């Protein structure tokens, strides 16, 4: 904060050292939660990154990610027309309805749509929505990146365009609920979009899958009957927990799974340690992301957890890679996978 203040007051000029400090932040929000006067540290750091982009001081690794968004409307170098290819890859053609009108629109996000490891999330969510016999659909090719990587990088030029497109596509379907399984997408829709599409307005409710699942279990009498006799811990995704306070829903859902032994991590909820999967850290500082992931695995091992469950595809990927590197027998999964299995659904 002092460096950014000096930058604003002209005591320092943009330089590689300052840029490096600004981009080594995971934007996990812990400092903002801890700050006694409530300084909006994460907003300030994001604004500083936008300033450094204007000054042409930023990690060149970002150009590939942002270039993919500009060309393909996703963070991957995959053609836009393959956005819904996960339906075929996961053999869900008979299950995922592509409609011109629906009450619920499921928005998987870039990582769940294109990453092989994270596709289990879209498969589990699709199986659950189908079992509940809801009127739902996906945007398919019309789903564009939510724009969160642009906000995190400081390259915000296309952020408003992405937001307007996605909101327009959802509204055209007449949706009452937008459902997403990505913590970053959820925060972007709830915090960023109202500022970017105020001329369009929201005509739908935004829910993360943990909120949706808790609601379904409470009000639709969904039965979780299949036993899961193991000890699990839950990792609070940084963009879902500290800034938005979504702590209770995932815990309520997990506690309803028969024979599941739920244990809190030593640092949980607002005190949660970042797993390293956020803030574009994996692109700009992969060694830091790796170390944070390994620390998260060690933390889960310290309480005897057999599985580490989260509710964000970016967390899933970074924790999965950390488990692989540590040769740990521990497993990681998304909360939708755990619920699908408890419902007797095969992911």
Protein backbone atom coordinates (compact mmCIF):
# COMPACT_ATOMS: atom_id res chain seq x y z
CA UNK A 1 0.00 0.00 0.00
CA UNK A 2 2.88 2.37 0.78
CA UNK A 3 4.51 1.66 -2.58
CA UNK A 4 1.27 2.33 -4.44
CA UNK A 5 0.74 5.54 -2.45
CA UNK A 6 4.26 6.69 -3.38
CA UNK A 7 3.51 5.85 -6.99
CA UNK A 8 0.33 7.93 -6.95
CA UNK A 9 2.08 10.88 -5.31
CA UNK A 10 4.93 10.86 -7.81
CA UNK A 11 7.62 9.85 -5.33
CA UNK A 12 8.28 6.68 -7.34
CA UNK A 13 8.06 5.87 -11.03
CA UNK A 14 6.78 2.61 -12.52
CA UNK A 15 9.65 0.12 -12.68
CA UNK A 16 10.18 -3.66 -12.92
CA UNK A 17 10.72 -4.07 -9.15
CA UNK A 18 7.39 -2.44 -8.26
CA UNK A 19 5.63 -4.38 -11.00
CA UNK A 20 7.05 -7.64 -9.63
CA UNK A 21 5.77 -6.81 -6.11
CA UNK A 22 2.29 -5.97 -7.37
CA UNK A 23 1.93 -9.16 -9.44
CA UNK A 24 3.22 -11.52 -6.74
CA UNK A 25 -0.02 -10.96 -4.83
CA UNK A 26 -2.57 -13.81 -5.03
CA UNK A 27 -5.42 -11.31 -4.45
CA UNK A 28 -6.76 -13.68 -1.82
CA UNK A 29 -8.22 -10.81 0.22
CA UNK A 30 -6.73 -11.84 3.56
CA UNK A 31 -5.06 -8.46 4.07
CA UNK A 32 -8.32 -6.63 3.33
CA UNK A 33 -10.21 -8.81 5.83
CA UNK A 34 -7.48 -8.21 8.44
CA UNK A 35 -7.13 -4.44 7.86
CA UNK A 36 -8.60 -2.60 10.93
CA UNK A 37 -9.74 0.53 9.02
CA UNK A 38 -11.04 -1.60 6.14
CA UNK A 39 -8.76 -0.42 3.34
CA UNK A 40 -9.92 -2.03 0.08
CA UNK A 41 -6.50 -3.52 -0.61
CA UNK A 42 -7.52 -5.94 -3.36
CA UNK A 43 -9.32 -3.20 -5.31
CA UNK A 44 -6.25 -0.98 -4.95
CA UNK A 45 -3.90 -3.72 -6.19
CA UNK A 46 -6.15 -4.42 -9.19
CA UNK A 47 -6.18 -0.70 -9.99
CA UNK A 48 -2.39 -0.61 -9.63
CA UNK A 49 -2.11 -3.47 -12.11
CA UNK A 50 -4.23 -1.53 -14.60
CA UNK A 51 -1.88 1.42 -14.09
CA UNK A 52 1.18 -0.76 -14.72
CA UNK A 53 -0.42 -2.11 -17.90
CA UNK A 54 -0.88 1.50 -19.08
CA UNK A 55 2.79 2.12 -18.26
CA UNK A 56 3.70 -1.07 -20.18
CA UNK A 57 5.15 -2.74 -17.07
CA UNK A 58 3.52 -6.12 -16.59
CA UNK A 59 4.49 -9.84 -16.74
CA UNK A 60 4.65 -10.82 -20.40
CA UNK A 61 3.17 -14.22 -19.46
CA UNK A 62 -0.18 -12.45 -19.26
CA UNK A 63 -0.18 -11.63 -22.97
CA UNK A 64 -0.91 -15.25 -23.88
CA UNK A 65 -3.91 -15.54 -21.54
CA UNK A 66 -5.34 -12.15 -22.47
CA UNK A 67 -4.69 -12.82 -26.17
CA UNK A 68 -6.73 -16.02 -25.91
CA UNK A 69 -9.62 -14.10 -24.33
CA UNK A 70 -9.53 -11.48 -27.06
CA UNK A 71 -9.41 -14.07 -29.85
CA UNK A 72 -11.40 -17.03 -28.45
CA UNK A 73 -13.37 -15.45 -25.58
CA UNK A 74 -11.79 -17.96 -23.18
CA UNK A 75 -8.47 -18.30 -21.36
CA UNK A 76 -7.45 -21.20 -23.63
CA UNK A 77 -6.25 -21.29 -27.22
CA UNK A 78 -9.30 -23.29 -28.30
CA UNK A 79 -11.75 -22.04 -30.96
CA UNK A 80 -14.89 -20.38 -29.62
CA UNK A 81 -17.12 -22.92 -31.37
CA UNK A 82 -15.73 -25.68 -29.09
CA UNK A 83 -16.95 -23.98 -25.91
CA UNK A 84 -19.53 -26.72 -25.29
CA UNK A 85 -17.36 -29.61 -26.55
CA UNK A 86 -17.28 -30.86 -22.94
CA UNK A 87 -20.80 -32.19 -23.49
CA UNK A 88 -19.52 -34.66 -26.08
CA UNK A 89 -16.24 -35.41 -24.29
CA UNK A 90 -18.10 -36.31 -21.09
CA UNK A 91 -20.75 -38.28 -23.04
CA UNK A 92 -23.57 -36.01 -21.88
CA UNK A 93 -25.31 -35.46 -25.22
CA UNK A 94 -28.56 -37.01 -24.00
CA UNK A 95 -28.43 -35.17 -20.71
CA UNK A 96 -27.51 -31.54 -21.37
CA UNK A 97 -30.41 -29.69 -23.00
CA UNK A 98 -29.61 -26.88 -25.45
CA UNK A 99 -32.71 -24.69 -25.35
CA UNK A 100 -33.78 -21.25 -26.54
CA UNK A 101 -35.58 -20.65 -23.26
CA UNK A 102 -35.00 -21.98 -19.72
CA UNK A 103 -35.45 -20.98 -16.09
CA UNK A 104 -31.91 -21.97 -15.06
CA UNK A 105 -28.77 -21.26 -17.08
CA UNK A 106 -25.65 -23.15 -16.03
CA UNK A 107 -22.43 -21.17 -16.66
CA UNK A 108 -19.45 -23.56 -16.18
CA UNK A 109 -16.73 -20.98 -16.87
CA UNK A 110 -13.50 -21.40 -18.86
CA UNK A 111 -11.61 -23.82 -16.59
CA UNK A 112 -14.45 -26.34 -16.15
CA UNK A 113 -15.30 -26.15 -19.86
CA UNK A 114 -11.81 -26.80 -21.20
CA UNK A 115 -9.60 -28.42 -18.54
CA UNK A 116 -9.70 -32.22 -18.52
CA UNK A 117 -9.36 -32.47 -14.73
CA UNK A 118 -12.04 -29.88 -14.07
CA UNK A 119 -14.58 -31.34 -16.51
CA UNK A 120 -15.70 -33.64 -13.71
CA UNK A 121 -17.34 -30.52 -12.25
CA UNK A 122 -19.54 -29.89 -15.29
CA UNK A 123 -20.37 -33.59 -15.51
CA UNK A 124 -21.42 -33.78 -11.86
CA UNK A 125 -23.43 -30.57 -12.07
CA UNK A 126 -25.20 -31.72 -15.24
CA UNK A 127 -26.09 -35.07 -13.65
CA UNK A 128 -27.50 -33.32 -10.59
CA UNK A 129 -29.57 -30.83 -12.62
CA UNK A 130 -30.91 -33.67 -14.77
CA UNK A 131 -31.86 -35.76 -11.71
CA UNK A 132 -33.72 -32.76 -10.25
CA UNK A 133 -35.70 -32.46 -13.52
CA UNK A 134 -35.16 -28.73 -13.65
CA UNK A 135 -35.81 -26.52 -16.66
CA UNK A 136 -32.19 -25.73 -17.45
CA UNK A 137 -29.72 -25.17 -20.25
CA UNK A 138 -26.23 -23.87 -21.06
CA UNK A 139 -25.17 -21.01 -23.31
CA UNK A 140 -22.92 -23.19 -25.47
CA UNK A 141 -20.94 -21.08 -27.95
CA UNK A 142 -22.63 -17.99 -26.55
CA UNK A 143 -20.81 -18.40 -23.22
CA UNK A 144 -17.82 -16.09 -23.13
CA UNK A 145 -15.17 -15.74 -20.43
CA UNK A 146 -16.68 -13.85 -17.49
CA UNK A 147 -13.80 -11.36 -17.64
CA UNK A 148 -12.31 -12.05 -14.23
CA UNK A 149 -8.81 -12.72 -15.65
CA UNK A 150 -8.94 -9.26 -17.23
CA UNK A 151 -9.73 -7.65 -13.88
CA UNK A 152 -6.98 -9.63 -12.17
CA UNK A 153 -4.40 -8.79 -14.83
CA UNK A 154 -5.10 -5.08 -15.19
CA UNK A 155 -5.86 -5.48 -18.91
CA UNK A 156 -9.48 -4.47 -18.55
CA UNK A 157 -10.15 -3.15 -22.06
CA UNK A 158 -12.57 -5.93 -23.08
CA UNK A 159 -14.17 -6.52 -19.66
CA UNK A 160 -17.30 -4.45 -20.34
CA UNK A 161 -17.82 -6.10 -23.75
CA UNK A 162 -17.65 -9.58 -22.22
CA UNK A 163 -20.07 -8.63 -19.45
CA UNK A 164 -22.61 -7.10 -21.82
CA UNK A 165 -22.50 -10.11 -24.12
CA UNK A 166 -22.98 -12.67 -21.33
CA UNK A 167 -25.80 -10.76 -19.64
CA UNK A 168 -27.53 -10.27 -22.99
CA UNK A 169 -27.25 -13.98 -23.85
CA UNK A 170 -28.66 -15.01 -20.46
CA UNK A 171 -31.53 -12.53 -20.66
CA UNK A 172 -32.48 -13.75 -24.15
CA UNK A 173 -33.10 -17.19 -22.66
CA UNK A 174 -35.51 -15.72 -20.13
CA UNK A 175 -33.50 -17.19 -17.27
CA UNK A 176 -34.52 -16.61 -13.67
CA UNK A 177 -31.34 -18.13 -12.22
CA UNK A 178 -27.73 -18.11 -13.37
CA UNK A 179 -25.79 -20.98 -11.83
CA UNK A 180 -22.00 -21.16 -11.83
CA UNK A 181 -19.51 -23.57 -10.24
CA UNK A 182 -16.55 -21.16 -10.47
CA UNK A 183 -15.80 -18.89 -7.51
CA UNK A 184 -14.19 -16.32 -9.82
CA UNK A 185 -17.17 -16.27 -12.16
CA UNK A 186 -19.55 -15.95 -9.20
CA UNK A 187 -17.65 -13.00 -7.71
CA UNK A 188 -17.43 -11.34 -11.12
CA UNK A 189 -21.16 -11.69 -11.80
CA UNK A 190 -22.11 -10.42 -8.34
CA UNK A 191 -19.49 -7.70 -7.80
CA UNK A 192 -18.19 -6.59 -11.21
CA UNK A 193 -21.12 -7.00 -13.60
CA UNK A 194 -23.52 -4.58 -11.84
CA UNK A 195 -20.92 -1.84 -12.51
CA UNK A 196 -20.40 -2.86 -16.14
CA UNK A 197 -23.93 -3.56 -17.35
CA UNK A 198 -26.02 -1.06 -15.41
CA UNK A 199 -27.65 -0.02 -18.68
CA UNK A 200 -28.90 -3.61 -19.22
CA UNK A 201 -29.87 -4.50 -15.66
CA UNK A 202 -30.08 -7.93 -14.07
CA UNK A 203 -33.29 -9.86 -14.51
CA UNK A 204 -31.93 -13.07 -12.97
CA UNK A 205 -30.56 -14.32 -9.66
CA UNK A 206 -26.91 -15.38 -9.52
CA UNK A 207 -26.05 -18.47 -7.46
CA UNK A 208 -22.93 -20.52 -6.88
CA UNK A 209 -23.53 -24.27 -6.94
CA UNK A 210 -22.94 -24.54 -3.16
CA UNK A 211 -25.80 -22.12 -2.53
CA UNK A 212 -27.99 -23.89 -5.05
CA UNK A 213 -27.28 -27.33 -3.58
CA UNK A 214 -28.01 -26.16 -0.05
CA UNK A 215 -31.32 -24.70 -1.24
CA UNK A 216 -32.26 -27.88 -3.09
CA UNK A 217 -31.48 -30.04 -0.07
CA UNK A 218 -33.56 -27.82 2.18
CA UNK A 219 -36.59 -27.20 0.01
CA UNK A 220 -36.84 -30.02 -2.52
CA UNK A 221 -36.19 -32.97 -0.20
CA UNK A 222 -33.28 -34.24 -2.28
CA UNK A 223 -31.99 -37.39 -0.64
CA UNK A 224 -28.28 -38.09 -0.27
CA UNK A 225 -28.38 -41.81 0.37
CA UNK A 226 -25.03 -43.25 -0.73
CA UNK A 227 -22.54 -43.55 2.11
CA UNK A 228 -19.15 -41.83 1.94
CA UNK A 229 -17.21 -43.29 4.84
CA UNK A 230 -14.16 -41.05 4.74
CA UNK A 231 -12.67 -38.01 6.47
CA UNK A 232 -12.83 -34.84 4.40
CA UNK A 233 -11.76 -31.22 4.80
CA UNK A 234 -13.19 -28.25 2.92
CA UNK A 235 -11.04 -25.52 1.40
CA UNK A 236 -12.78 -22.12 1.17
CA UNK A 237 -12.04 -20.57 -2.26
CA UNK A 238 -10.70 -17.05 -1.74
CA UNK A 239 -13.15 -15.37 -4.14
CA UNK A 240 -16.15 -17.17 -2.66
CA UNK A 241 -15.37 -16.85 1.03
CA UNK A 242 -13.75 -13.67 2.31
CA UNK A 243 -15.29 -11.11 -0.09
CA UNK A 244 -18.75 -12.70 -0.30
CA UNK A 245 -19.12 -14.60 2.97
CA UNK A 246 -20.22 -17.91 1.41
CA UNK A 247 -19.06 -20.15 4.27
CA UNK A 248 -22.14 -21.94 5.62
CA UNK A 249 -23.68 -23.47 2.43
CA UNK A 250 -20.81 -25.87 1.53
CA UNK A 251 -20.52 -27.07 5.12
CA UNK A 252 -24.27 -27.65 5.40
CA UNK A 253 -24.19 -29.68 2.17
CA UNK A 254 -21.22 -31.84 3.23
CA UNK A 255 -22.74 -32.56 6.64
CA UNK A 256 -25.80 -34.07 4.94
CA UNK A 257 -23.76 -36.77 3.16
CA UNK A 258 -24.17 -40.07 5.06
CA UNK A 259 -21.15 -41.24 7.10
CA UNK A 260 -18.97 -38.39 5.83
CA UNK A 261 -16.61 -37.26 8.58
CA UNK A 262 -16.18 -33.51 8.07
CA UNK A 263 -13.22 -31.78 9.73
CA UNK A 264 -12.25 -28.12 9.58
CA UNK A 265 -8.77 -27.18 8.43
CA UNK A 266 -6.58 -25.44 11.03
CA UNK A 267 -7.17 -22.20 9.09
CA UNK A 268 -10.65 -21.99 7.61
CA UNK A 269 -13.37 -19.55 6.60
CA UNK A 270 -12.05 -15.96 6.84
CA UNK A 271 -8.65 -17.25 8.02
CA UNK A 272 -8.26 -19.65 5.09
CA UNK A 273 -4.83 -19.94 3.49
CA UNK A 274 -4.94 -19.39 -0.28
CA UNK A 275 -4.22 -22.56 -2.28
CA UNK A 276 -2.31 -20.56 -4.91
CA UNK A 277 -4.81 -21.02 -7.72
CA UNK A 278 -6.04 -17.42 -7.86
CA UNK A 279 -4.93 -13.93 -8.79
CA UNK A 280 -3.38 -15.19 -12.07
CA UNK A 281 -0.52 -16.41 -9.87
CA UNK A 282 -0.21 -19.67 -11.83
CA UNK A 283 0.50 -17.64 -14.97
CA UNK A 284 2.77 -14.95 -13.53
CA UNK A 285 4.47 -16.74 -10.60
CA UNK A 286 3.93 -20.50 -10.95
CA UNK A 287 6.59 -21.32 -8.33
CA UNK A 288 4.66 -19.37 -5.67
CA UNK A 289 1.38 -21.01 -6.73
CA UNK A 290 3.09 -24.39 -6.42
CA UNK A 291 4.40 -23.71 -2.91
CA UNK A 292 1.00 -22.51 -1.71
CA UNK A 293 -0.64 -25.63 -3.14
CA UNK A 294 1.81 -27.90 -1.32
CA UNK A 295 1.17 -26.02 1.95
CA UNK A 296 -2.56 -26.55 1.51
CA UNK A 297 -2.05 -30.31 1.05
CA UNK A 298 0.16 -30.47 4.15
CA UNK A 299 -2.49 -28.59 6.12
CA UNK A 300 -5.13 -31.14 5.12
CA UNK A 301 -2.80 -34.04 5.96
CA UNK A 302 -2.24 -32.59 9.45
CA UNK A 303 -5.87 -33.31 10.38
CA UNK A 304 -5.97 -36.75 8.75
CA UNK A 305 -8.14 -35.74 5.79
CA UNK A 306 -8.45 -38.38 3.08
CA UNK A 307 -10.05 -35.94 0.65
CA UNK A 308 -9.77 -32.20 0.27
CA UNK A 309 -12.96 -30.74 -1.16
CA UNK A 310 -13.40 -27.28 -2.65
CA UNK A 311 -15.88 -25.33 -4.76
CA UNK A 312 -13.78 -23.75 -7.49
CA UNK A 313 -12.16 -25.30 -10.58
CA UNK A 314 -8.99 -23.19 -10.18
CA UNK A 315 -8.57 -24.50 -6.62
CA UNK A 316 -9.22 -28.04 -7.86
CA UNK A 317 -6.47 -27.80 -10.48
CA UNK A 318 -3.81 -26.30 -8.22
CA UNK A 319 -4.53 -28.66 -5.34
CA UNK A 320 -4.58 -31.65 -7.73
CA UNK A 321 -1.15 -30.70 -9.05
CA UNK A 322 0.16 -30.27 -5.50
CA UNK A 323 -1.11 -33.73 -4.54
CA UNK A 324 0.63 -35.20 -7.59
CA UNK A 325 3.93 -33.48 -6.71
CA UNK A 326 3.79 -34.60 -3.09
CA UNK A 327 2.95 -38.22 -4.00
CA UNK A 328 0.19 -38.05 -1.42
CA UNK A 329 -2.62 -40.66 -1.36
CA UNK A 330 -5.03 -37.80 -0.64
CA UNK A 331 -7.74 -37.04 -3.17
CA UNK A 332 -9.31 -33.74 -4.15
CA UNK A 333 -12.73 -33.16 -5.64
CA UNK A 334 -15.31 -30.47 -6.18
CA UNK A 335 -18.31 -30.42 -3.87
CA UNK A 336 -20.59 -31.19 -6.83
CA UNK A 337 -18.75 -34.48 -7.34
CA UNK A 338 -19.26 -35.43 -3.69
CA UNK A 339 -22.98 -34.61 -3.89
CA UNK A 340 -23.45 -36.46 -7.19
CA UNK A 341 -21.88 -39.60 -5.70
CA UNK A 342 -24.06 -39.30 -2.61
CA UNK A 343 -27.07 -39.14 -4.93
CA UNK A 344 -25.96 -42.40 -6.56
CA UNK A 345 -24.89 -40.71 -9.79
CA UNK A 346 -21.80 -41.92 -11.62
CA UNK A 347 -19.50 -39.07 -12.64
